[in-house]
Amino acid sequence: MACKAHQSQTLEPWKVGEASIDGSHFSGIKRVPFDGYKAELHQGERVKTKAQTDEEESEASDKKQEIFTMNKIMGENLIKMRRLLDLWNATGMPTRAF
């Protein structure tokens, strides 16, 4: 027979003993929805501060901007290369005077 505490946890999964929790996020949660949020933590999980999360998001945003800029430059260079290649025909002779 299960103990009384275990029975109450089975019947009410959001209760741990007498204290209630706001959520159990085994697969993670993007942001804590409000101050005082009570979460069930699992072995091996980490909790980050707001400053750590903000820094990570800022770094990710910077990386996205860098990738966008690199792709833009690569696209512009491909256009320039195509224009240069258009100056020669299939036999390698210039198609027009420089």
PDB file of N, CA and C in Angstrom:
ATOM      1  N   MET A   1       0.850  -1.180   0.000  1.00  0.00           N
ATOM      2  CA  MET A   1       0.000   0.000   0.000  1.00  0.00           C
ATOM      3  C   MET A   1       0.896   1.244   0.000  1.00  0.00           C
ATOM      4  N   ALA A   2       0.561   2.216  -0.809  1.00  0.00           N
ATOM      5  CA  ALA A   2       1.352   3.448  -0.912  1.00  0.00           C
ATOM      6  C   ALA A   2       1.120   4.322   0.311  1.00  0.00           C
ATOM      7  N   CYS A   3       2.159   5.099   0.647  1.00  0.00           N
ATOM      8  CA  CYS A   3       2.023   5.994   1.791  1.00  0.00           C
ATOM      9  C   CYS A   3       1.076   7.146   1.441  1.00  0.00           C
ATOM     10  N   LYS A   4       0.566   7.825   2.434  1.00  0.00           N
ATOM     11  CA  LYS A   4      -0.408   8.895   2.248  1.00  0.00           C
ATOM     12  C   LYS A   4       0.158  10.042   1.400  1.00  0.00           C
ATOM     13  N   ALA A   5       1.415  10.430   1.635  1.00  0.00           N
ATOM     14  CA  ALA A   5       2.035  11.522   0.881  1.00  0.00           C
ATOM     15  C   ALA A   5       2.132  11.161  -0.595  1.00  0.00           C
ATOM     16  N   HIS A   6       2.514   9.907  -0.884  1.00  0.00           N
ATOM     17  CA  HIS A   6       2.632   9.471  -2.261  1.00  0.00           C
ATOM     18  C   HIS A   6       1.268   9.455  -2.939  1.00  0.00           C
ATOM     19  N   GLN A   7       0.238   9.046  -2.230  1.00  0.00           N
ATOM     20  CA  GLN A   7      -1.102   9.028  -2.794  1.00  0.00           C
ATOM     21  C   GLN A   7      -1.547  10.440  -3.185  1.00  0.00           C
ATOM     22  N   SER A   8      -1.299  11.430  -2.327  1.00  0.00           N
ATOM     23  CA  SER A   8      -1.733  12.792  -2.650  1.00  0.00           C
ATOM     24  C   SER A   8      -0.965  13.332  -3.851  1.00  0.00           C
ATOM     25  N   GLN A   9       0.328  12.963  -3.991  1.00  0.00           N
ATOM     26  CA  GLN A   9       1.096  13.417  -5.151  1.00  0.00           C
ATOM     27  C   GLN A   9       0.580  12.754  -6.426  1.00  0.00           C
ATOM     28  N   THR A  10       0.140  11.511  -6.329  1.00  0.00           N
ATOM     29  CA  THR A  10      -0.391  10.817  -7.490  1.00  0.00           C
ATOM     30  C   THR A  10      -1.714  11.443  -7.924  1.00  0.00           C
ATOM     31  N   LEU A  11      -2.548  11.798  -6.967  1.00  0.00           N
ATOM     32  CA  LEU A  11      -3.851  12.372  -7.278  1.00  0.00           C
ATOM     33  C   LEU A  11      -3.731  13.826  -7.726  1.00  0.00           C
ATOM     34  N   GLU A  12      -2.787  14.577  -7.153  1.00  0.00           N
ATOM     35  CA  GLU A  12      -2.588  15.981  -7.494  1.00  0.00           C
ATOM     36  C   GLU A  12      -1.130  16.186  -7.894  1.00  0.00           C
ATOM     37  N   PRO A  13      -0.818  16.005  -9.172  1.00  0.00           N
ATOM     38  CA  PRO A  13       0.585  16.062  -9.601  1.00  0.00           C
ATOM     39  C   PRO A  13       1.255  17.411  -9.391  1.00  0.00           C
ATOM     40  N   TRP A  14       0.486  18.475  -9.161  1.00  0.00           N
ATOM     41  CA  TRP A  14       1.089  19.785  -8.977  1.00  0.00           C
ATOM     42  C   TRP A  14       1.243  20.133  -7.508  1.00  0.00           C
ATOM     43  N   LYS A  15       1.136  19.126  -6.656  1.00  0.00           N
ATOM     44  CA  LYS A  15       1.344  19.316  -5.220  1.00  0.00           C
ATOM     45  C   LYS A  15       2.560  18.505  -4.802  1.00  0.00           C
ATOM     46  N   VAL A  16       3.437  19.108  -4.059  1.00  0.00           N
ATOM     47  CA  VAL A  16       4.566  18.400  -3.478  1.00  0.00           C
ATOM     48  C   VAL A  16       4.436  18.589  -1.980  1.00  0.00           C
ATOM     49  N   GLY A  17       4.054  17.535  -1.311  1.00  0.00           N
ATOM     50  CA  GLY A  17       3.758  17.668   0.111  1.00  0.00           C
ATOM     51  C   GLY A  17       2.608  18.635   0.267  1.00  0.00           C
ATOM     52  N   GLU A  18       2.796  19.651   1.058  1.00  0.00           N
ATOM     53  CA  GLU A  18       1.756  20.663   1.264  1.00  0.00           C
ATOM     54  C   GLU A  18       1.951  21.883   0.360  1.00  0.00           C
ATOM     55  N   ALA A  19       3.121  22.020  -0.256  1.00  0.00           N
ATOM     56  CA  ALA A  19       3.405  23.189  -1.095  1.00  0.00           C
ATOM     57  C   ALA A  19       2.988  22.905  -2.537  1.00  0.00           C
ATOM     58  N   SER A  20       2.283  23.820  -3.133  1.00  0.00           N
ATOM     59  CA  SER A  20       1.913  23.645  -4.535  1.00  0.00           C
ATOM     60  C   SER A  20       3.006  24.256  -5.409  1.00  0.00           C
ATOM     61  N   ILE A  21       3.095  23.747  -6.637  1.00  0.00           N
ATOM     62  CA  ILE A  21       4.062  24.291  -7.603  1.00  0.00           C
ATOM     63  C   ILE A  21       3.287  24.799  -8.807  1.00  0.00           C
ATOM     64  N   ASP A  22       3.906  25.707  -9.543  1.00  0.00           N
ATOM     65  CA  ASP A  22       3.254  26.282 -10.710  1.00  0.00           C
ATOM     66  C   ASP A  22       3.500  25.465 -11.973  1.00  0.00           C
ATOM     67  N   GLY A  23       4.562  24.675 -11.981  1.00  0.00           N
ATOM     68  CA  GLY A  23       4.826  23.874 -13.172  1.00  0.00           C
ATOM     69  C   GLY A  23       6.002  22.952 -13.001  1.00  0.00           C
ATOM     70  N   SER A  24       6.027  21.917 -13.833  1.00  0.00           N
ATOM     71  CA  SER A  24       7.125  20.966 -13.885  1.00  0.00           C
ATOM     72  C   SER A  24       7.524  20.883 -15.347  1.00  0.00           C
ATOM     73  N   HIS A  25       8.711  21.303 -15.657  1.00  0.00           N
ATOM     74  CA  HIS A  25       9.118  21.466 -17.053  1.00  0.00           C
ATOM     75  C   HIS A  25      10.332  20.593 -17.355  1.00  0.00           C
ATOM     76  N   PHE A  26      10.096  19.319 -17.443  1.00  0.00           N
ATOM     77  CA  PHE A  26      11.180  18.365 -17.674  1.00  0.00           C
ATOM     78  C   PHE A  26      11.942  18.680 -18.958  1.00  0.00           C
ATOM     79  N   SER A  27      11.232  19.151 -19.979  1.00  0.00           N
ATOM     80  CA  SER A  27      11.890  19.460 -21.255  1.00  0.00           C
ATOM     81  C   SER A  27      12.301  20.925 -21.359  1.00  0.00           C
ATOM     82  N   GLY A  28      12.126  21.686 -20.283  1.00  0.00           N
ATOM     83  CA  GLY A  28      12.567  23.073 -20.260  1.00  0.00           C
ATOM     84  C   GLY A  28      11.422  24.060 -20.414  1.00  0.00           C
ATOM     85  N   ILE A  29      11.738  25.305 -20.170  1.00  0.00           N
ATOM     86  CA  ILE A  29      10.780  26.401 -20.304  1.00  0.00           C
ATOM     87  C   ILE A  29      11.572  27.607 -20.803  1.00  0.00           C
ATOM     88  N   LYS A  30      11.035  28.321 -21.769  1.00  0.00           N
ATOM     89  CA  LYS A  30      11.757  29.449 -22.385  1.00  0.00           C
ATOM     90  C   LYS A  30      11.971  30.584 -21.385  1.00  0.00           C
ATOM     91  N   ARG A  31      10.931  30.977 -20.710  1.00  0.00           N
ATOM     92  CA  ARG A  31      11.001  32.080 -19.733  1.00  0.00           C
ATOM     93  C   ARG A  31      10.093  31.771 -18.554  1.00  0.00           C
ATOM     94  N   VAL A  32      10.504  32.164 -17.379  1.00  0.00           N
ATOM     95  CA  VAL A  32       9.653  32.058 -16.201  1.00  0.00           C
ATOM     96  C   VAL A  32       8.556  33.110 -16.350  1.00  0.00           C
ATOM     97  N   PRO A  33       7.285  32.710 -16.250  1.00  0.00           N
ATOM     98  CA  PRO A  33       6.204  33.629 -16.579  1.00  0.00           C
ATOM     99  C   PRO A  33       5.946  34.748 -15.576  1.00  0.00           C
ATOM    100  N   PHE A  34       6.319  34.568 -14.313  1.00  0.00           N
ATOM    101  CA  PHE A  34       6.076  35.627 -13.328  1.00  0.00           C
ATOM    102  C   PHE A  34       6.983  35.442 -12.123  1.00  0.00           C
ATOM    103  N   ASP A  35       7.198  36.534 -11.381  1.00  0.00           N
ATOM    104  CA  ASP A  35       7.999  36.473 -10.155  1.00  0.00           C
ATOM    105  C   ASP A  35       7.327  35.542  -9.155  1.00  0.00           C
ATOM    106  N   GLY A  36       8.129  34.789  -8.450  1.00  0.00           N
ATOM    107  CA  GLY A  36       7.594  33.883  -7.443  1.00  0.00           C
ATOM    108  C   GLY A  36       7.137  32.554  -8.020  1.00  0.00           C
ATOM    109  N   TYR A  37       7.403  32.298  -9.302  1.00  0.00           N
ATOM    110  CA  TYR A  37       7.008  31.053  -9.957  1.00  0.00           C
ATOM    111  C   TYR A  37       7.690  29.890  -9.256  1.00  0.00           C
ATOM    112  N   LYS A  38       6.923  28.918  -8.857  1.00  0.00           N
ATOM    113  CA  LYS A  38       7.449  27.738  -8.163  1.00  0.00           C
ATOM    114  C   LYS A  38       7.487  26.579  -9.144  1.00  0.00           C
ATOM    115  N   ALA A  39       8.692  26.090  -9.417  1.00  0.00           N
ATOM    116  CA  ALA A  39       8.857  25.010 -10.391  1.00  0.00           C
ATOM    117  C   ALA A  39       9.481  23.791  -9.738  1.00  0.00           C
ATOM    118  N   GLU A  40       9.117  22.645 -10.240  1.00  0.00           N
ATOM    119  CA  GLU A  40       9.732  21.395  -9.807  1.00  0.00           C
ATOM    120  C   GLU A  40      10.991  21.204 -10.643  1.00  0.00           C
ATOM    121  N   LEU A  41      12.121  21.061  -9.989  1.00  0.00           N
ATOM    122  CA  LEU A  41      13.388  20.866 -10.689  1.00  0.00           C
ATOM    123  C   LEU A  41      13.732  19.387 -10.722  1.00  0.00           C
ATOM    124  N   HIS A  42      14.484  18.987 -11.737  1.00  0.00           N
ATOM    125  CA  HIS A  42      14.869  17.602 -11.923  1.00  0.00           C
ATOM    126  C   HIS A  42      16.386  17.492 -11.848  1.00  0.00           C
ATOM    127  N   GLN A  43      16.858  16.351 -11.404  1.00  0.00           N
ATOM    128  CA  GLN A  43      18.290  16.136 -11.237  1.00  0.00           C
ATOM    129  C   GLN A  43      19.030  16.459 -12.526  1.00  0.00           C
ATOM    130  N   GLY A  44      20.118  17.217 -12.394  1.00  0.00           N
ATOM    131  CA  GLY A  44      20.949  17.569 -13.533  1.00  0.00           C
ATOM    132  C   GLY A  44      20.532  18.836 -14.263  1.00  0.00           C
ATOM    133  N   GLU A  45      19.372  19.387 -13.941  1.00  0.00           N
ATOM    134  CA  GLU A  45      18.927  20.615 -14.598  1.00  0.00           C
ATOM    135  C   GLU A  45      19.691  21.813 -14.049  1.00  0.00           C
ATOM    136  N   ARG A  46      19.694  22.873 -14.825  1.00  0.00           N
ATOM    137  CA  ARG A  46      20.310  24.129 -14.396  1.00  0.00           C
ATOM    138  C   ARG A  46      19.265  25.225 -14.418  1.00  0.00           C
ATOM    139  N   VAL A  47      19.459  26.183 -13.553  1.00  0.00           N
ATOM    140  CA  VAL A  47      18.602  27.373 -13.531  1.00  0.00           C
ATOM    141  C   VAL A  47      19.504  28.562 -13.806  1.00  0.00           C
ATOM    142  N   LYS A  48      19.093  29.413 -14.733  1.00  0.00           N
ATOM    143  CA  LYS A  48      19.890  30.582 -15.099  1.00  0.00           C
ATOM    144  C   LYS A  48      19.246  31.842 -14.552  1.00  0.00           C
ATOM    145  N   THR A  49      20.086  32.822 -14.319  1.00  0.00           N
ATOM    146  CA  THR A  49      19.570  34.131 -13.906  1.00  0.00           C
ATOM    147  C   THR A  49      19.048  34.864 -15.143  1.00  0.00           C
ATOM    148  N   LYS A  50      18.283  35.907 -14.933  1.00  0.00           N
ATOM    149  CA  LYS A  50      17.772  36.721 -16.040  1.00  0.00           C
ATOM    150  C   LYS A  50      18.940  37.326 -16.815  1.00  0.00           C
ATOM    151  N   ALA A  51      19.962  37.771 -16.092  1.00  0.00           N
ATOM    152  CA  ALA A  51      21.125  38.373 -16.756  1.00  0.00           C
ATOM    153  C   ALA A  51      21.808  37.362 -17.675  1.00  0.00           C
ATOM    154  N   GLN A  52      21.946  36.112 -17.230  1.00  0.00           N
ATOM    155  CA  GLN A  52      22.565  35.087 -18.064  1.00  0.00           C
ATOM    156  C   GLN A  52      21.725  34.819 -19.315  1.00  0.00           C
ATOM    157  N   THR A  53      20.425  34.731 -19.135  1.00  0.00           N
ATOM    158  CA  THR A  53      19.522  34.491 -20.259  1.00  0.00           C
ATOM    159  C   THR A  53      19.571  35.652 -21.244  1.00  0.00           C
ATOM    160  N   ASP A  54      19.522  36.886 -20.733  1.00  0.00           N
ATOM    161  CA  ASP A  54      19.580  38.065 -21.602  1.00  0.00           C
ATOM    162  C   ASP A  54      20.884  38.102 -22.391  1.00  0.00           C
ATOM    163  N   GLU A  55      21.990  37.755 -21.732  1.00  0.00           N
ATOM    164  CA  GLU A  55      23.297  37.754 -22.404  1.00  0.00           C
ATOM    165  C   GLU A  55      23.324  36.703 -23.518  1.00  0.00           C
ATOM    166  N   GLU A  56      22.803  35.505 -23.236  1.00  0.00           N
ATOM    167  CA  GLU A  56      22.768  34.456 -24.250  1.00  0.00           C
ATOM    168  C   GLU A  56      21.912  34.871 -25.441  1.00  0.00           C
ATOM    169  N   GLU A  57      20.761  35.483 -25.176  1.00  0.00           N
ATOM    170  CA  GLU A  57      19.886  35.908 -26.256  1.00  0.00           C
ATOM    171  C   GLU A  57      20.521  37.027 -27.073  1.00  0.00           C
ATOM    172  N   SER A  58      21.252  37.911 -26.411  1.00  0.00           N
ATOM    173  CA  SER A  58      21.942  38.990 -27.112  1.00  0.00           C
ATOM    174  C   SER A  58      23.033  38.418 -28.016  1.00  0.00           C
ATOM    175  N   GLU A  59      23.789  37.449 -27.493  1.00  0.00           N
ATOM    176  CA  GLU A  59      24.836  36.813 -28.285  1.00  0.00           C
ATOM    177  C   GLU A  59      24.239  36.093 -29.487  1.00  0.00           C
ATOM    178  N   ALA A  60      23.110  35.416 -29.284  1.00  0.00           N
ATOM    179  CA  ALA A  60      22.449  34.712 -30.391  1.00  0.00           C
ATOM    180  C   ALA A  60      21.989  35.709 -31.447  1.00  0.00           C
ATOM    181  N   SER A  61      21.461  36.842 -31.002  1.00  0.00           N
ATOM    182  CA  SER A  61      21.010  37.874 -31.934  1.00  0.00           C
ATOM    183  C   SER A  61      22.190  38.427 -32.722  1.00  0.00           C
ATOM    184  N   ASP A  62      23.321  38.650 -32.032  1.00  0.00           N
ATOM    185  CA  ASP A  62      24.526  39.147 -32.705  1.00  0.00           C
ATOM    186  C   ASP A  62      24.994  38.152 -33.760  1.00  0.00           C
ATOM    187  N   LYS A  63      24.956  36.849 -33.422  1.00  0.00           N
ATOM    188  CA  LYS A  63      25.386  35.823 -34.373  1.00  0.00           C
ATOM    189  C   LYS A  63      24.464  35.797 -35.587  1.00  0.00           C
ATOM    190  N   LYS A  64      23.170  35.946 -35.373  1.00  0.00           N
ATOM    191  CA  LYS A  64      22.224  35.978 -36.495  1.00  0.00           C
ATOM    192  C   LYS A  64      22.532  37.158 -37.399  1.00  0.00           C
ATOM    193  N   GLN A  65      22.856  38.306 -36.815  1.00  0.00           N
ATOM    194  CA  GLN A  65      23.184  39.488 -37.606  1.00  0.00           C
ATOM    195  C   GLN A  65      24.467  39.265 -38.403  1.00  0.00           C
ATOM    196  N   GLU A  66      25.464  38.618 -37.780  1.00  0.00           N
ATOM    197  CA  GLU A  66      26.721  38.324 -38.471  1.00  0.00           C
ATOM    198  C   GLU A  66      26.474  37.400 -39.658  1.00  0.00           C
ATOM    199  N   ILE A  67      25.651  36.372 -39.455  1.00  0.00           N
ATOM    200  CA  ILE A  67      25.346  35.432 -40.532  1.00  0.00           C
ATOM    201  C   ILE A  67      24.615  36.145 -41.656  1.00  0.00           C
ATOM    202  N   PHE A  68      23.655  36.997 -41.311  1.00  0.00           N
ATOM    203  CA  PHE A  68      22.924  37.763 -42.322  1.00  0.00           C
ATOM    204  C   PHE A  68      23.888  38.613 -43.133  1.00  0.00           C
ATOM    205  N   THR A  69      24.800  39.320 -42.449  1.00  0.00           N
ATOM    206  CA  THR A  69      25.769  40.192 -43.125  1.00  0.00           C
ATOM    207  C   THR A  69      26.683  39.375 -44.027  1.00  0.00           C
ATOM    208  N   MET A  70      27.165  38.223 -43.535  1.00  0.00           N
ATOM    209  CA  MET A  70      28.042  37.374 -44.342  1.00  0.00           C
ATOM    210  C   MET A  70      27.314  36.869 -45.586  1.00  0.00           C
ATOM    211  N   ASN A  71      26.059  36.458 -45.429  1.00  0.00           N
ATOM    212  CA  ASN A  71      25.285  35.988 -46.582  1.00  0.00           C
ATOM    213  C   ASN A  71      25.070  37.101 -47.591  1.00  0.00           C
ATOM    214  N   LYS A  72      24.827  38.308 -47.102  1.00  0.00           N
ATOM    215  CA  LYS A  72      24.631  39.457 -47.991  1.00  0.00           C
ATOM    216  C   LYS A  72      25.909  39.735 -48.792  1.00  0.00           C
ATOM    217  N   ILE A  73      27.048  39.726 -48.113  1.00  0.00           N
ATOM    218  CA  ILE A  73      28.336  39.972 -48.775  1.00  0.00           C
ATOM    219  C   ILE A  73      28.615  38.868 -49.801  1.00  0.00           C
ATOM    220  N   MET A  74      28.353  37.614 -49.414  1.00  0.00           N
ATOM    221  CA  MET A  74      28.585  36.504 -50.346  1.00  0.00           C
ATOM    222  C   MET A  74      27.697  36.650 -51.581  1.00  0.00           C
ATOM    223  N   GLY A  75      26.454  37.033 -51.392  1.00  0.00           N
ATOM    224  CA  GLY A  75      25.546  37.236 -52.522  1.00  0.00           C
ATOM    225  C   GLY A  75      26.033  38.342 -53.439  1.00  0.00           C
ATOM    226  N   GLU A  76      26.490  39.443 -52.845  1.00  0.00           N
ATOM    227  CA  GLU A  76      27.005  40.557 -53.645  1.00  0.00           C
ATOM    228  C   GLU A  76      28.247  40.124 -54.424  1.00  0.00           C
ATOM    229  N   ASN A  77      29.114  39.333 -53.788  1.00  0.00           N
ATOM    230  CA  ASN A  77      30.325  38.861 -54.466  1.00  0.00           C
ATOM    231  C   ASN A  77      29.993  37.892 -55.593  1.00  0.00           C
ATOM    232  N   LEU A  78      28.969  37.063 -55.411  1.00  0.00           N
ATOM    233  CA  LEU A  78      28.563  36.164 -56.490  1.00  0.00           C
ATOM    234  C   LEU A  78      28.061  36.949 -57.703  1.00  0.00           C
ATOM    235  N   ILE A  79      27.338  38.013 -57.455  1.00  0.00           N
ATOM    236  CA  ILE A  79      26.856  38.868 -58.551  1.00  0.00           C
ATOM    237  C   ILE A  79      28.043  39.488 -59.292  1.00  0.00           C
ATOM    238  N   LYS A  80      29.029  39.974 -58.530  1.00  0.00           N
ATOM    239  CA  LYS A  80      30.229  40.558 -59.155  1.00  0.00           C
ATOM    240  C   LYS A  80      30.978  39.513 -59.981  1.00  0.00           C
ATOM    241  N   MET A  81      31.107  38.299 -59.441  1.00  0.00           N
ATOM    242  CA  MET A  81      31.796  37.228 -60.163  1.00  0.00           C
ATOM    243  C   MET A  81      31.050  36.889 -61.461  1.00  0.00           C
ATOM    244  N   ARG A  82      29.718  36.843 -61.391  1.00  0.00           N
ATOM    245  CA  ARG A  82      28.921  36.542 -62.587  1.00  0.00           C
ATOM    246  C   ARG A  82      29.142  37.612 -63.648  1.00  0.00           C
ATOM    247  N   ARG A  83      29.198  38.857 -63.221  1.00  0.00           N
ATOM    248  CA  ARG A  83      29.439  39.958 -64.177  1.00  0.00           C
ATOM    249  C   ARG A  83      30.817  39.831 -64.822  1.00  0.00           C
ATOM    250  N   LEU A  84      31.818  39.449 -64.025  1.00  0.00           N
ATOM    251  CA  LEU A  84      33.165  39.249 -64.582  1.00  0.00           C
ATOM    252  C   LEU A  84      33.200  38.090 -65.562  1.00  0.00           C
ATOM    253  N   LEU A  85      32.524  36.998 -65.201  1.00  0.00           N
ATOM    254  CA  LEU A  85      32.497  35.842 -66.095  1.00  0.00           C
ATOM    255  C   LEU A  85      31.784  36.162 -67.403  1.00  0.00           C
ATOM    256  N   ASP A  86      30.809  37.046 -67.353  1.00  0.00           N
ATOM    257  CA  ASP A  86      30.072  37.440 -68.558  1.00  0.00           C
ATOM    258  C   ASP A  86      30.949  38.218 -69.541  1.00  0.00           C
ATOM    259  N   LEU A  87      32.114  38.670 -69.082  1.00  0.00           N
ATOM    260  CA  LEU A  87      33.017  39.411 -69.973  1.00  0.00           C
ATOM    261  C   LEU A  87      33.765  38.489 -70.938  1.00  0.00           C
ATOM    262  N   TRP A  88      33.721  37.156 -70.684  1.00  0.00           N
ATOM    263  CA  TRP A  88      34.398  36.198 -71.548  1.00  0.00           C
ATOM    264  C   TRP A  88      33.395  35.217 -72.119  1.00  0.00           C
ATOM    265  N   ASN A  89      33.674  34.750 -73.323  1.00  0.00           N
ATOM    266  CA  ASN A  89      32.790  33.751 -73.914  1.00  0.00           C
ATOM    267  C   ASN A  89      33.280  32.347 -73.535  1.00  0.00           C
ATOM    268  N   ALA A  90      32.627  31.326 -74.078  1.00  0.00           N
ATOM    269  CA  ALA A  90      32.948  29.932 -73.703  1.00  0.00           C
ATOM    270  C   ALA A  90      34.360  29.542 -74.095  1.00  0.00           C
ATOM    271  N   THR A  91      34.958  30.219 -75.092  1.00  0.00           N
ATOM    272  CA  THR A  91      36.325  29.881 -75.526  1.00  0.00           C
ATOM    273  C   THR A  91      37.383  30.658 -74.734  1.00  0.00           C
ATOM    274  N   GLY A  92      36.944  31.501 -73.814  1.00  0.00           N
ATOM    275  CA  GLY A  92      37.897  32.242 -73.006  1.00  0.00           C
ATOM    276  C   GLY A  92      38.316  33.562 -73.632  1.00  0.00           C
ATOM    277  N   MET A  93      37.651  33.984 -74.664  1.00  0.00           N
ATOM    278  CA  MET A  93      37.969  35.233 -75.320  1.00  0.00           C
ATOM    279  C   MET A  93      37.066  36.342 -74.765  1.00  0.00           C
ATOM    280  N   PRO A  94      37.607  37.560 -74.644  1.00  0.00           N
ATOM    281  CA  PRO A  94      36.775  38.663 -74.151  1.00  0.00           C
ATOM    282  C   PRO A  94      35.604  38.905 -75.095  1.00  0.00           C
ATOM    283  N   THR A  95      34.450  39.193 -74.518  1.00  0.00           N
ATOM    284  CA  THR A  95      33.261  39.448 -75.337  1.00  0.00           C
ATOM    285  C   THR A  95      33.168  40.906 -75.751  1.00  0.00           C
ATOM    286  N   ARG A  96      33.931  41.748 -75.094  1.00  0.00           N
ATOM    287  CA  ARG A  96      33.945  43.175 -75.457  1.00  0.00           C
ATOM    288  C   ARG A  96      35.283  43.781 -75.003  1.00  0.00           C
ATOM    289  N   ALA A  97      35.561  44.939 -75.528  1.00  0.00           N
ATOM    290  CA  ALA A  97      36.811  45.618 -75.166  1.00  0.00           C
ATOM    291  C   ALA A  97      36.700  46.208 -73.769  1.00  0.00           C
ATOM    292  N   PHE A  98      37.773  46.218 -73.055  1.00  0.00           N
ATOM    293  CA  PHE A  98      37.789  46.771 -71.677  1.00  0.00           C
ATOM    294  C   PHE A  98      37.922  48.255 -71.703  1.00  0.00           C
TER     295      PHE A  98
END
